[in-house]
PDB file of N, CA and C in Angstrom:
ATOM      1  N   MET A   1      -4.397 -10.345  23.512  1.00  0.00           N
ATOM      2  CA  MET A   1      -4.421  -9.119  22.268  1.00  0.00           C
ATOM      3  C   MET A   1      -5.585  -7.936  22.147  1.00  0.00           C
ATOM      4  N   ASN A   2      -5.330  -6.857  22.643  1.00  0.00           N
ATOM      5  CA  ASN A   2      -6.457  -6.071  22.386  1.00  0.00           C
ATOM      6  C   ASN A   2      -6.718  -5.350  20.706  1.00  0.00           C
ATOM      7  N   VAL A   3      -7.578  -5.819  20.650  1.00  0.00           N
ATOM      8  CA  VAL A   3      -8.105  -5.451  19.155  1.00  0.00           C
ATOM      9  C   VAL A   3     -10.018  -5.012  19.511  1.00  0.00           C
ATOM     10  N   PRO A   4      -9.707  -3.576  19.508  1.00  0.00           N
ATOM     11  CA  PRO A   4     -11.520  -2.772  19.935  1.00  0.00           C
ATOM     12  C   PRO A   4     -12.642  -3.301  18.829  1.00  0.00           C
ATOM     13  N   ALA A   5     -13.176  -3.813  18.832  1.00  0.00           N
ATOM     14  CA  ALA A   5     -14.144  -3.869  18.199  1.00  0.00           C
ATOM     15  C   ALA A   5     -14.878  -2.253  17.178  1.00  0.00           C
ATOM     16  N   GLU A   6     -14.826  -1.395  17.922  1.00  0.00           N
ATOM     17  CA  GLU A   6     -14.784  -0.111  17.132  1.00  0.00           C
ATOM     18  C   GLU A   6     -14.608   0.207  15.991  1.00  0.00           C
ATOM     19  N   LEU A   7     -13.420  -0.454  15.932  1.00  0.00           N
ATOM     20  CA  LEU A   7     -12.492  -0.202  14.700  1.00  0.00           C
ATOM     21  C   LEU A   7     -12.418  -0.910  13.465  1.00  0.00           C
ATOM     22  N   LYS A   8     -11.562  -0.002  12.109  1.00  0.00           N
ATOM     23  CA  LYS A   8     -11.526  -1.203  11.224  1.00  0.00           C
ATOM     24  C   LYS A   8      -9.958  -1.350  11.265  1.00  0.00           C
ATOM     25  N   TYR A   9      -9.255  -2.073  10.290  1.00  0.00           N
ATOM     26  CA  TYR A   9      -7.980  -3.075  10.091  1.00  0.00           C
ATOM     27  C   TYR A   9      -7.854  -2.995   9.028  1.00  0.00           C
ATOM     28  N   THR A  10      -6.437  -3.029   8.543  1.00  0.00           N
ATOM     29  CA  THR A  10      -5.794  -3.403   7.457  1.00  0.00           C
ATOM     30  C   THR A  10      -4.991  -4.597   7.765  1.00  0.00           C
ATOM     31  N   LYS A  11      -4.539  -5.223   6.928  1.00  0.00           N
ATOM     32  CA  LYS A  11      -4.135  -6.537   7.088  1.00  0.00           C
ATOM     33  C   LYS A  11      -2.134  -6.091   7.585  1.00  0.00           C
ATOM     34  N   GLU A  12      -1.790  -5.137   6.912  1.00  0.00           N
ATOM     35  CA  GLU A  12      -0.886  -4.348   7.402  1.00  0.00           C
ATOM     36  C   GLU A  12      -0.855  -3.970   8.909  1.00  0.00           C
ATOM     37  N   HIS A  13      -1.337  -3.814   9.790  1.00  0.00           N
ATOM     38  CA  HIS A  13      -1.577  -3.886  11.365  1.00  0.00           C
ATOM     39  C   HIS A  13      -2.101  -2.431  11.177  1.00  0.00           C
ATOM     40  N   GLU A  14      -2.794  -1.429  10.558  1.00  0.00           N
ATOM     41  CA  GLU A  14      -2.880  -0.285  10.449  1.00  0.00           C
ATOM     42  C   GLU A  14      -4.201  -0.035  11.229  1.00  0.00           C
ATOM     43  N   TRP A  15      -5.098   0.867  11.951  1.00  0.00           N
ATOM     44  CA  TRP A  15      -6.200   0.843  12.352  1.00  0.00           C
ATOM     45  C   TRP A  15      -6.501   1.861  11.505  1.00  0.00           C
ATOM     46  N   ILE A  16      -8.641   2.610  11.721  1.00  0.00           N
ATOM     47  CA  ILE A  16      -8.868   3.639  11.614  1.00  0.00           C
ATOM     48  C   ILE A  16      -9.993   3.657  12.635  1.00  0.00           C
ATOM     49  N   ARG A  17     -10.235   4.967  13.371  1.00  0.00           N
ATOM     50  CA  ARG A  17     -11.449   5.071  14.252  1.00  0.00           C
ATOM     51  C   ARG A  17     -12.015   6.703  13.578  1.00  0.00           C
ATOM     52  N   VAL A  18     -13.081   6.529  13.039  1.00  0.00           N
ATOM     53  CA  VAL A  18     -13.766   7.610  12.207  1.00  0.00           C
ATOM     54  C   VAL A  18     -14.786   8.182  12.989  1.00  0.00           C
ATOM     55  N   GLU A  19     -14.291   9.707  13.056  1.00  0.00           N
ATOM     56  CA  GLU A  19     -14.768  10.430  13.964  1.00  0.00           C
ATOM     57  C   GLU A  19     -15.793  11.667  13.425  1.00  0.00           C
ATOM     58  N   GLY A  20     -16.733  11.673  12.794  1.00  0.00           N
ATOM     59  CA  GLY A  20     -17.253  12.982  11.955  1.00  0.00           C
ATOM     60  C   GLY A  20     -16.217  12.200  10.279  1.00  0.00           C
ATOM     61  N   GLU A  21     -16.223  13.696  10.169  1.00  0.00           N
ATOM     62  CA  GLU A  21     -15.627  13.414   8.393  1.00  0.00           C
ATOM     63  C   GLU A  21     -14.006  13.703   8.729  1.00  0.00           C
ATOM     64  N   GLU A  22     -13.596  12.926   9.950  1.00  0.00           N
ATOM     65  CA  GLU A  22     -11.931  12.765  10.016  1.00  0.00           C
ATOM     66  C   GLU A  22     -12.255  11.412  10.543  1.00  0.00           C
ATOM     67  N   ALA A  23     -10.951  11.559  10.739  1.00  0.00           N
ATOM     68  CA  ALA A  23     -10.566   9.774  11.302  1.00  0.00           C
ATOM     69  C   ALA A  23      -9.416   9.750  11.560  1.00  0.00           C
ATOM     70  N   TYR A  24      -8.853   9.219  12.680  1.00  0.00           N
ATOM     71  CA  TYR A  24      -7.622   8.672  13.111  1.00  0.00           C
ATOM     72  C   TYR A  24      -6.898   7.441  13.343  1.00  0.00           C
ATOM     73  N   VAL A  25      -6.007   7.579  12.694  1.00  0.00           N
ATOM     74  CA  VAL A  25      -5.115   6.181  12.037  1.00  0.00           C
ATOM     75  C   VAL A  25      -3.460   5.487  13.083  1.00  0.00           C
ATOM     76  N   GLY A  26      -3.303   4.794  13.370  1.00  0.00           N
ATOM     77  CA  GLY A  26      -2.451   4.545  13.955  1.00  0.00           C
ATOM     78  C   GLY A  26      -1.879   2.622  13.913  1.00  0.00           C
ATOM     79  N   ILE A  27      -0.648   2.158  14.194  1.00  0.00           N
ATOM     80  CA  ILE A  27      -1.209   0.811  14.122  1.00  0.00           C
ATOM     81  C   ILE A  27      -1.248  -0.204  15.663  1.00  0.00           C
ATOM     82  N   THR A  28      -1.815  -1.324  14.872  1.00  0.00           N
ATOM     83  CA  THR A  28      -2.240  -2.079  16.363  1.00  0.00           C
ATOM     84  C   THR A  28      -1.629  -2.429  17.610  1.00  0.00           C
ATOM     85  N   ASP A  29      -2.255  -3.210  18.023  1.00  0.00           N
ATOM     86  CA  ASP A  29      -1.342  -3.399  19.923  1.00  0.00           C
ATOM     87  C   ASP A  29      -0.281  -4.930  19.345  1.00  0.00           C
ATOM     88  N   TYR A  30      -1.040  -5.628  18.130  1.00  0.00           N
ATOM     89  CA  TYR A  30      -0.523  -6.758  17.786  1.00  0.00           C
ATOM     90  C   TYR A  30       1.038  -6.201  17.134  1.00  0.00           C
ATOM     91  N   ALA A  31       0.682  -4.825  15.896  1.00  0.00           N
ATOM     92  CA  ALA A  31       2.082  -4.346  15.411  1.00  0.00           C
ATOM     93  C   ALA A  31       2.984  -3.916  16.595  1.00  0.00           C
ATOM     94  N   GLN A  32       2.518  -2.970  16.955  1.00  0.00           N
ATOM     95  CA  GLN A  32       3.244  -2.589  18.442  1.00  0.00           C
ATOM     96  C   GLN A  32       4.224  -3.674  18.832  1.00  0.00           C
ATOM     97  N   SER A  33       4.061  -4.939  19.740  1.00  0.00           N
ATOM     98  CA  SER A  33       4.268  -5.763  20.219  1.00  0.00           C
ATOM     99  C   SER A  33       5.545  -6.762  19.412  1.00  0.00           C
ATOM    100  N   GLN A  34       5.206  -6.450  17.856  1.00  0.00           N
ATOM    101  CA  GLN A  34       5.973  -7.179  17.373  1.00  0.00           C
ATOM    102  C   GLN A  34       7.238  -6.390  17.220  1.00  0.00           C
ATOM    103  N   LEU A  35       7.101  -5.427  16.631  1.00  0.00           N
ATOM    104  CA  LEU A  35       8.010  -3.794  16.596  1.00  0.00           C
ATOM    105  C   LEU A  35       9.181  -4.016  17.913  1.00  0.00           C
ATOM    106  N   GLY A  36       8.300  -3.743  19.411  1.00  0.00           N
ATOM    107  CA  GLY A  36       9.102  -3.757  19.907  1.00  0.00           C
ATOM    108  C   GLY A  36       9.565  -2.078  20.213  1.00  0.00           C
ATOM    109  N   ASP A  37      10.201  -2.102  21.105  1.00  0.00           N
ATOM    110  CA  ASP A  37      10.647  -0.695  21.559  1.00  0.00           C
ATOM    111  C   ASP A  37      10.428   0.652  20.228  1.00  0.00           C
ATOM    112  N   ILE A  38       9.752   1.215  20.366  1.00  0.00           N
ATOM    113  CA  ILE A  38       9.782   2.569  19.414  1.00  0.00           C
ATOM    114  C   ILE A  38      10.312   3.587  19.761  1.00  0.00           C
ATOM    115  N   VAL A  39      10.859   4.037  19.071  1.00  0.00           N
ATOM    116  CA  VAL A  39      12.334   5.300  19.086  1.00  0.00           C
ATOM    117  C   VAL A  39      11.901   6.348  18.426  1.00  0.00           C
ATOM    118  N   PHE A  40      11.174   6.040  17.071  1.00  0.00           N
ATOM    119  CA  PHE A  40      10.988   7.435  16.053  1.00  0.00           C
ATOM    120  C   PHE A  40       9.942   7.058  15.253  1.00  0.00           C
ATOM    121  N   VAL A  41       8.940   8.381  15.557  1.00  0.00           N
ATOM    122  CA  VAL A  41       8.127   8.063  14.497  1.00  0.00           C
ATOM    123  C   VAL A  41       7.947   9.635  13.489  1.00  0.00           C
ATOM    124  N   GLU A  42       7.606   8.793  11.754  1.00  0.00           N
ATOM    125  CA  GLU A  42       8.308   9.704  10.813  1.00  0.00           C
ATOM    126  C   GLU A  42       7.054   9.992   9.717  1.00  0.00           C
ATOM    127  N   VAL A  43       6.241  11.036  10.287  1.00  0.00           N
ATOM    128  CA  VAL A  43       5.510  11.312   8.665  1.00  0.00           C
ATOM    129  C   VAL A  43       5.828  12.839   8.397  1.00  0.00           C
ATOM    130  N   GLU A  44       5.896  12.754   6.988  1.00  0.00           N
ATOM    131  CA  GLU A  44       6.331  13.891   6.336  1.00  0.00           C
ATOM    132  C   GLU A  44       5.561  14.453   5.105  1.00  0.00           C
ATOM    133  N   THR A  45       3.882  13.829   5.531  1.00  0.00           N
ATOM    134  CA  THR A  45       2.763  13.435   4.551  1.00  0.00           C
ATOM    135  C   THR A  45       1.862  14.544   4.625  1.00  0.00           C
ATOM    136  N   GLU A  46       2.045  15.220   5.477  1.00  0.00           N
ATOM    137  CA  GLU A  46       0.721  16.417   6.230  1.00  0.00           C
ATOM    138  C   GLU A  46       0.661  17.011   5.470  1.00  0.00           C
ATOM    139  N   GLY A  47      -0.893  17.258   4.853  1.00  0.00           N
ATOM    140  CA  GLY A  47      -1.532  18.401   3.518  1.00  0.00           C
ATOM    141  C   GLY A  47      -1.205  17.382   2.504  1.00  0.00           C
ATOM    142  N   ASP A  48      -0.844  16.281   2.425  1.00  0.00           N
ATOM    143  CA  ASP A  48      -0.915  15.442   1.255  1.00  0.00           C
ATOM    144  C   ASP A  48      -1.913  14.359   0.934  1.00  0.00           C
ATOM    145  N   ASN A  49      -2.526  14.904   0.016  1.00  0.00           N
ATOM    146  CA  ASN A  49      -3.647  13.800  -0.263  1.00  0.00           C
ATOM    147  C   ASN A  49      -2.726  12.510  -0.764  1.00  0.00           C
ATOM    148  N   LEU A  50      -3.808  11.270  -0.184  1.00  0.00           N
ATOM    149  CA  LEU A  50      -2.957   9.761  -0.687  1.00  0.00           C
ATOM    150  C   LEU A  50      -4.313   8.997  -1.090  1.00  0.00           C
ATOM    151  N   GLU A  51      -3.432   7.983  -1.475  1.00  0.00           N
ATOM    152  CA  GLU A  51      -4.848   6.854  -2.137  1.00  0.00           C
ATOM    153  C   GLU A  51      -4.462   5.789  -0.818  1.00  0.00           C
ATOM    154  N   ALA A  52      -5.482   4.766  -0.417  1.00  0.00           N
ATOM    155  CA  ALA A  52      -5.571   3.866  -0.126  1.00  0.00           C
ATOM    156  C   ALA A  52      -4.323   3.054  -0.048  1.00  0.00           C
ATOM    157  N   GLY A  53      -3.162   2.435   0.566  1.00  0.00           N
ATOM    158  CA  GLY A  53      -2.082   1.496   0.482  1.00  0.00           C
ATOM    159  C   GLY A  53      -0.914   2.629   0.142  1.00  0.00           C
ATOM    160  N   ASP A  54      -0.811   3.840   0.463  1.00  0.00           N
ATOM    161  CA  ASP A  54       0.019   4.769  -0.160  1.00  0.00           C
ATOM    162  C   ASP A  54       0.810   4.310   1.541  1.00  0.00           C
ATOM    163  N   THR A  55       2.243   4.838   1.314  1.00  0.00           N
ATOM    164  CA  THR A  55       3.041   5.269   2.376  1.00  0.00           C
ATOM    165  C   THR A  55       3.178   6.078   2.775  1.00  0.00           C
ATOM    166  N   PHE A  56       2.679   6.587   4.125  1.00  0.00           N
ATOM    167  CA  PHE A  56       2.692   7.761   4.850  1.00  0.00           C
ATOM    168  C   PHE A  56       3.373   8.795   6.019  1.00  0.00           C
ATOM    169  N   GLY A  57       4.222   7.176   5.990  1.00  0.00           N
ATOM    170  CA  GLY A  57       5.103   7.763   7.322  1.00  0.00           C
ATOM    171  C   GLY A  57       5.861   6.517   7.104  1.00  0.00           C
ATOM    172  N   SER A  58       7.261   6.705   8.528  1.00  0.00           N
ATOM    173  CA  SER A  58       7.594   5.566   8.523  1.00  0.00           C
ATOM    174  C   SER A  58       7.322   5.170  10.676  1.00  0.00           C
ATOM    175  N   ILE A  59       7.979   3.919  10.980  1.00  0.00           N
ATOM    176  CA  ILE A  59       8.119   3.847  12.301  1.00  0.00           C
ATOM    177  C   ILE A  59       9.558   2.966  12.615  1.00  0.00           C
ATOM    178  N   GLU A  60      10.149   3.609  13.016  1.00  0.00           N
ATOM    179  CA  GLU A  60      11.110   3.346  14.155  1.00  0.00           C
ATOM    180  C   GLU A  60      11.265   2.168  15.229  1.00  0.00           C
ATOM    181  N   ALA A  61      11.686   1.459  15.212  1.00  0.00           N
ATOM    182  CA  ALA A  61      12.020   0.509  16.550  1.00  0.00           C
ATOM    183  C   ALA A  61      13.291   0.350  16.841  1.00  0.00           C
ATOM    184  N   VAL A  62      13.659  -0.311  17.804  1.00  0.00           N
ATOM    185  CA  VAL A  62      15.170  -0.556  18.066  1.00  0.00           C
ATOM    186  C   VAL A  62      15.676  -1.613  17.058  1.00  0.00           C
ATOM    187  N   LYS A  63      14.721  -2.733  16.740  1.00  0.00           N
ATOM    188  CA  LYS A  63      15.478  -3.712  15.802  1.00  0.00           C
ATOM    189  C   LYS A  63      15.391  -3.425  14.223  1.00  0.00           C
ATOM    190  N   THR A  64      13.797  -2.334  14.056  1.00  0.00           N
ATOM    191  CA  THR A  64      13.886  -2.084  12.204  1.00  0.00           C
ATOM    192  C   THR A  64      13.261  -1.049  11.869  1.00  0.00           C
ATOM    193  N   VAL A  65      12.470  -0.748  11.037  1.00  0.00           N
ATOM    194  CA  VAL A  65      12.154   0.364  10.597  1.00  0.00           C
ATOM    195  C   VAL A  65      10.611  -0.156   9.655  1.00  0.00           C
ATOM    196  N   SER A  66       9.949   0.354  10.112  1.00  0.00           N
ATOM    197  CA  SER A  66       8.320  -0.443   9.216  1.00  0.00           C
ATOM    198  C   SER A  66       7.823   0.861   8.411  1.00  0.00           C
ATOM    199  N   ASP A  67       7.120   1.037   7.057  1.00  0.00           N
ATOM    200  CA  ASP A  67       6.566   1.732   6.550  1.00  0.00           C
ATOM    201  C   ASP A  67       5.206   1.955   7.377  1.00  0.00           C
ATOM    202  N   LEU A  68       4.602   2.869   7.178  1.00  0.00           N
ATOM    203  CA  LEU A  68       2.980   2.992   7.533  1.00  0.00           C
ATOM    204  C   LEU A  68       2.218   3.535   6.045  1.00  0.00           C
ATOM    205  N   TYR A  69       0.982   2.343   6.042  1.00  0.00           N
ATOM    206  CA  TYR A  69       0.317   2.657   4.799  1.00  0.00           C
ATOM    207  C   TYR A  69      -1.472   3.569   4.932  1.00  0.00           C
ATOM    208  N   MET A  70      -1.845   4.155   4.412  1.00  0.00           N
ATOM    209  CA  MET A  70      -3.068   4.338   4.731  1.00  0.00           C
ATOM    210  C   MET A  70      -4.321   3.581   4.371  1.00  0.00           C
ATOM    211  N   PRO A  71      -4.941   3.457   5.173  1.00  0.00           N
ATOM    212  CA  PRO A  71      -5.940   2.312   5.034  1.00  0.00           C
ATOM    213  C   PRO A  71      -6.975   2.871   4.086  1.00  0.00           C
ATOM    214  N   VAL A  72      -7.480   4.077   4.151  1.00  0.00           N
ATOM    215  CA  VAL A  72      -8.079   4.696   3.348  1.00  0.00           C
ATOM    216  C   VAL A  72      -7.709   5.862   2.096  1.00  0.00           C
ATOM    217  N   ALA A  73      -8.354   6.205   1.177  1.00  0.00           N
ATOM    218  CA  ALA A  73      -8.039   7.061   0.289  1.00  0.00           C
ATOM    219  C   ALA A  73      -8.251   8.811   1.412  1.00  0.00           C
ATOM    220  N   GLY A  74      -7.262   9.656   1.229  1.00  0.00           N
ATOM    221  CA  GLY A  74      -8.038  11.279   1.789  1.00  0.00           C
ATOM    222  C   GLY A  74      -6.562  12.000   2.436  1.00  0.00           C
ATOM    223  N   GLU A  75      -6.992  13.002   2.868  1.00  0.00           N
ATOM    224  CA  GLU A  75      -5.872  14.119   2.835  1.00  0.00           C
ATOM    225  C   GLU A  75      -5.364  13.545   4.406  1.00  0.00           C
ATOM    226  N   VAL A  76      -3.931  14.336   4.346  1.00  0.00           N
ATOM    227  CA  VAL A  76      -2.841  13.790   6.004  1.00  0.00           C
ATOM    228  C   VAL A  76      -3.349  15.255   6.687  1.00  0.00           C
ATOM    229  N   LEU A  77      -4.412  15.357   7.296  1.00  0.00           N
ATOM    230  CA  LEU A  77      -4.393  16.628   8.258  1.00  0.00           C
ATOM    231  C   LEU A  77      -4.026  16.985   9.055  1.00  0.00           C
ATOM    232  N   GLU A  78      -2.768  16.163  10.173  1.00  0.00           N
ATOM    233  CA  GLU A  78      -2.190  16.268  11.430  1.00  0.00           C
ATOM    234  C   GLU A  78      -1.540  15.017  11.351  1.00  0.00           C
ATOM    235  N   PHE A  79       0.000  15.530  12.401  1.00  0.00           N
ATOM    236  CA  PHE A  79       0.285  14.153  12.842  1.00  0.00           C
ATOM    237  C   PHE A  79       0.713  14.710  13.901  1.00  0.00           C
ATOM    238  N   ASN A  80       0.162  13.213  14.882  1.00  0.00           N
ATOM    239  CA  ASN A  80       0.465  13.427  16.288  1.00  0.00           C
ATOM    240  C   ASN A  80       1.376  13.734  17.037  1.00  0.00           C
ATOM    241  N   SER A  81       1.748  14.926  16.903  1.00  0.00           N
ATOM    242  CA  SER A  81       3.198  15.694  17.197  1.00  0.00           C
ATOM    243  C   SER A  81       3.572  15.685  18.572  1.00  0.00           C
ATOM    244  N   GLU A  82       2.708  14.572  19.766  1.00  0.00           N
ATOM    245  CA  GLU A  82       3.258  14.288  21.033  1.00  0.00           C
ATOM    246  C   GLU A  82       4.037  12.842  20.802  1.00  0.00           C
ATOM    247  N   LEU A  83       4.004  12.239  19.408  1.00  0.00           N
ATOM    248  CA  LEU A  83       5.351  11.194  19.142  1.00  0.00           C
ATOM    249  C   LEU A  83       6.480  11.783  18.676  1.00  0.00           C
ATOM    250  N   GLU A  84       6.388  13.133  18.999  1.00  0.00           N
ATOM    251  CA  GLU A  84       8.401  13.329  18.216  1.00  0.00           C
ATOM    252  C   GLU A  84       8.662  13.258  19.760  1.00  0.00           C
ATOM    253  N   ASP A  85       8.300  13.635  20.894  1.00  0.00           N
ATOM    254  CA  ASP A  85       9.132  13.622  22.008  1.00  0.00           C
ATOM    255  C   ASP A  85       8.549  12.436  23.000  1.00  0.00           C
ATOM    256  N   GLU A  86       7.469  11.326  22.462  1.00  0.00           N
ATOM    257  CA  GLU A  86       7.177  10.556  23.803  1.00  0.00           C
ATOM    258  C   GLU A  86       7.200   8.929  22.360  1.00  0.00           C
ATOM    259  N   PRO A  87       7.587   8.647  21.198  1.00  0.00           N
ATOM    260  CA  PRO A  87       7.204   8.244  20.404  1.00  0.00           C
ATOM    261  C   PRO A  87       6.406   6.711  20.976  1.00  0.00           C
ATOM    262  N   ASP A  88       7.133   6.228  22.311  1.00  0.00           N
ATOM    263  CA  ASP A  88       6.294   4.870  23.019  1.00  0.00           C
ATOM    264  C   ASP A  88       5.268   5.524  23.542  1.00  0.00           C
ATOM    265  N   LEU A  89       4.421   6.181  23.014  1.00  0.00           N
ATOM    266  CA  LEU A  89       3.357   6.221  22.952  1.00  0.00           C
ATOM    267  C   LEU A  89       2.444   5.032  22.245  1.00  0.00           C
ATOM    268  N   VAL A  90       2.848   4.705  21.224  1.00  0.00           N
ATOM    269  CA  VAL A  90       2.894   3.809  20.670  1.00  0.00           C
ATOM    270  C   VAL A  90       2.286   2.434  21.020  1.00  0.00           C
ATOM    271  N   ASN A  91       3.678   2.301  22.010  1.00  0.00           N
ATOM    272  CA  ASN A  91       3.823   1.093  22.281  1.00  0.00           C
ATOM    273  C   ASN A  91       2.584   1.242  23.967  1.00  0.00           C
ATOM    274  N   LYS A  92       2.688   1.930  24.743  1.00  0.00           N
ATOM    275  CA  LYS A  92       1.812   2.610  25.766  1.00  0.00           C
ATOM    276  C   LYS A  92       0.392   2.353  25.143  1.00  0.00           C
ATOM    277  N   ASP A  93      -0.032   3.186  24.540  1.00  0.00           N
ATOM    278  CA  ASP A  93      -1.466   3.250  24.218  1.00  0.00           C
ATOM    279  C   ASP A  93      -1.784   3.265  22.662  1.00  0.00           C
ATOM    280  N   PRO A  94      -1.872   2.412  21.986  1.00  0.00           N
ATOM    281  CA  PRO A  94      -1.857   2.168  20.616  1.00  0.00           C
ATOM    282  C   PRO A  94      -3.392   2.735  19.848  1.00  0.00           C
ATOM    283  N   TYR A  95      -4.169   2.697  20.568  1.00  0.00           N
ATOM    284  CA  TYR A  95      -5.115   3.013  20.272  1.00  0.00           C
ATOM    285  C   TYR A  95      -5.579   4.349  20.592  1.00  0.00           C
ATOM    286  N   GLY A  96      -5.081   5.104  22.169  1.00  0.00           N
ATOM    287  CA  GLY A  96      -5.442   6.354  22.072  1.00  0.00           C
ATOM    288  C   GLY A  96      -4.513   7.588  21.871  1.00  0.00           C
ATOM    289  N   LYS A  97      -3.881   7.967  22.739  1.00  0.00           N
ATOM    290  CA  LYS A  97      -2.292   8.789  22.817  1.00  0.00           C
ATOM    291  C   LYS A  97      -1.343   8.214  21.553  1.00  0.00           C
ATOM    292  N   GLY A  98      -1.453   6.838  21.561  1.00  0.00           N
ATOM    293  CA  GLY A  98      -0.589   6.477  20.787  1.00  0.00           C
ATOM    294  C   GLY A  98      -1.004   6.608  18.906  1.00  0.00           C
ATOM    295  N   TRP A  99      -1.770   7.393  18.643  1.00  0.00           N
ATOM    296  CA  TRP A  99      -2.571   7.602  16.924  1.00  0.00           C
ATOM    297  C   TRP A  99      -1.737   8.741  16.637  1.00  0.00           C
ATOM    298  N   ILE A 100      -1.301   8.015  15.125  1.00  0.00           N
ATOM    299  CA  ILE A 100      -0.013   8.602  14.433  1.00  0.00           C
ATOM    300  C   ILE A 100      -0.422  10.141  13.517  1.00  0.00           C
ATOM    301  N   ILE A 101      -1.549   9.537  12.642  1.00  0.00           N
ATOM    302  CA  ILE A 101      -2.199  10.710  11.903  1.00  0.00           C
ATOM    303  C   ILE A 101      -3.994  10.910  11.770  1.00  0.00           C
ATOM    304  N   LYS A 102      -3.989  11.958  11.538  1.00  0.00           N
ATOM    305  CA  LYS A 102      -5.690  12.535  11.444  1.00  0.00           C
ATOM    306  C   LYS A 102      -5.818  12.412  10.126  1.00  0.00           C
ATOM    307  N   VAL A 103      -6.647  12.163   9.547  1.00  0.00           N
ATOM    308  CA  VAL A 103      -7.011  12.151   8.226  1.00  0.00           C
ATOM    309  C   VAL A 103      -8.921  12.906   7.693  1.00  0.00           C
ATOM    310  N   LYS A 104      -8.873  13.105   6.292  1.00  0.00           N
ATOM    311  CA  LYS A 104     -10.179  13.453   6.144  1.00  0.00           C
ATOM    312  C   LYS A 104     -10.418  12.854   5.168  1.00  0.00           C
ATOM    313  N   VAL A 105     -11.698  12.031   5.414  1.00  0.00           N
ATOM    314  CA  VAL A 105     -11.606  10.567   4.530  1.00  0.00           C
ATOM    315  C   VAL A 105     -12.093  11.248   2.832  1.00  0.00           C
ATOM    316  N   GLU A 106     -11.787  10.499   2.082  1.00  0.00           N
ATOM    317  CA  GLU A 106     -12.120  10.759   0.586  1.00  0.00           C
ATOM    318  C   GLU A 106     -13.602  10.187   0.410  1.00  0.00           C
ATOM    319  N   ASP A 107     -13.347   8.484   0.611  1.00  0.00           N
ATOM    320  CA  ASP A 107     -15.017   7.849   0.233  1.00  0.00           C
ATOM    321  C   ASP A 107     -14.935   6.749   1.482  1.00  0.00           C
ATOM    322  N   GLU A 108     -15.927   7.131   2.193  1.00  0.00           N
ATOM    323  CA  GLU A 108     -15.830   6.373   3.523  1.00  0.00           C
ATOM    324  C   GLU A 108     -16.447   4.730   2.892  1.00  0.00           C
ATOM    325  N   ALA A 109     -16.786   4.898   1.393  1.00  0.00           N
ATOM    326  CA  ALA A 109     -17.267   3.266   1.319  1.00  0.00           C
ATOM    327  C   ALA A 109     -16.153   2.701   1.104  1.00  0.00           C
ATOM    328  N   GLN A 110     -14.884   3.108   1.595  1.00  0.00           N
ATOM    329  CA  GLN A 110     -14.153   2.276   1.503  1.00  0.00           C
ATOM    330  C   GLN A 110     -13.404   1.869   2.223  1.00  0.00           C
ATOM    331  N   LEU A 111     -13.952   2.351   3.796  1.00  0.00           N
ATOM    332  CA  LEU A 111     -13.879   1.532   4.774  1.00  0.00           C
ATOM    333  C   LEU A 111     -14.838   0.041   4.967  1.00  0.00           C
ATOM    334  N   ASP A 112     -15.555   0.465   3.866  1.00  0.00           N
ATOM    335  CA  ASP A 112     -16.256  -1.550   4.438  1.00  0.00           C
ATOM    336  C   ASP A 112     -15.035  -2.306   3.466  1.00  0.00           C
ATOM    337  N   GLY A 113     -14.046  -2.174   2.967  1.00  0.00           N
ATOM    338  CA  GLY A 113     -13.090  -2.956   2.510  1.00  0.00           C
ATOM    339  C   GLY A 113     -11.971  -3.378   3.379  1.00  0.00           C
ATOM    340  N   LEU A 114     -12.226  -2.785   4.707  1.00  0.00           N
ATOM    341  CA  LEU A 114     -11.063  -3.169   5.811  1.00  0.00           C
ATOM    342  C   LEU A 114     -11.860  -4.060   6.623  1.00  0.00           C
ATOM    343  N   LEU A 115     -11.005  -4.691   7.816  1.00  0.00           N
ATOM    344  CA  LEU A 115     -11.153  -5.958   8.085  1.00  0.00           C
ATOM    345  C   LEU A 115     -11.775  -5.163   9.717  1.00  0.00           C
ATOM    346  N   SER A 116     -12.621  -6.310   9.804  1.00  0.00           N
ATOM    347  CA  SER A 116     -13.569  -6.099  11.213  1.00  0.00           C
ATOM    348  C   SER A 116     -12.295  -6.205  12.372  1.00  0.00           C
ATOM    349  N   ALA A 117     -12.851  -6.103  13.468  1.00  0.00           N
ATOM    350  CA  ALA A 117     -12.102  -6.424  14.488  1.00  0.00           C
ATOM    351  C   ALA A 117     -12.073  -8.116  14.796  1.00  0.00           C
ATOM    352  N   ASP A 118     -12.941  -8.894  14.445  1.00  0.00           N
ATOM    353  CA  ASP A 118     -12.997 -10.403  14.125  1.00  0.00           C
ATOM    354  C   ASP A 118     -12.196 -10.894  13.231  1.00  0.00           C
ATOM    355  N   ALA A 119     -12.228 -10.093  12.124  1.00  0.00           N
ATOM    356  CA  ALA A 119     -11.326 -10.732  11.097  1.00  0.00           C
ATOM    357  C   ALA A 119      -9.995 -10.280  11.239  1.00  0.00           C
ATOM    358  N   TYR A 120      -9.621  -9.403  11.433  1.00  0.00           N
ATOM    359  CA  TYR A 120      -8.133  -8.605  12.029  1.00  0.00           C
ATOM    360  C   TYR A 120      -7.300 -10.257  12.656  1.00  0.00           C
ATOM    361  N   LYS A 121      -8.377 -10.199  13.922  1.00  0.00           N
ATOM    362  CA  LYS A 121      -7.860 -11.183  14.584  1.00  0.00           C
ATOM    363  C   LYS A 121      -7.541 -12.873  14.182  1.00  0.00           C
ATOM    364  N   ALA A 122      -8.476 -13.031  13.516  1.00  0.00           N
ATOM    365  CA  ALA A 122      -8.402 -14.154  12.377  1.00  0.00           C
ATOM    366  C   ALA A 122      -6.920 -14.046  11.801  1.00  0.00           C
ATOM    367  N   SER A 123      -6.679 -13.138  11.425  1.00  0.00           N
ATOM    368  CA  SER A 123      -5.701 -12.675  10.352  1.00  0.00           C
ATOM    369  C   SER A 123      -4.091 -13.004  10.975  1.00  0.00           C
ATOM    370  N   ILE A 124      -4.212 -12.532  12.432  1.00  0.00           N
ATOM    371  CA  ILE A 124      -3.120 -12.731  13.342  1.00  0.00           C
ATOM    372  C   ILE A 124      -2.931 -14.179  13.937  1.00  0.00           C
TER     373      ILE A 124
END
């Protein structure tokens, strides 16, 4: 199971990677493996300010649909438009090309409340 050490994680299986004032958010390798073949990713919150724990979209696999949750409060800056034509990028490269949204983090202190890679591994 791939759990990069430099990322932070939620109990709901989202990851966040901070790069300057922006951050990328996606679902973990574990989550995509549990969902199976992803066929659709929907995000209608672009431009919205959301709180940590708020739903920012949904992800549809062959067998199920799951909500996606904000790991921290912030503004949804961008949806990964590549996922419109290739939703399976989340399966193939969940921590790279399969990122789902880019956000402007409202309060970086919230990152301290997320799981480290080791804590996330222990939770799964």
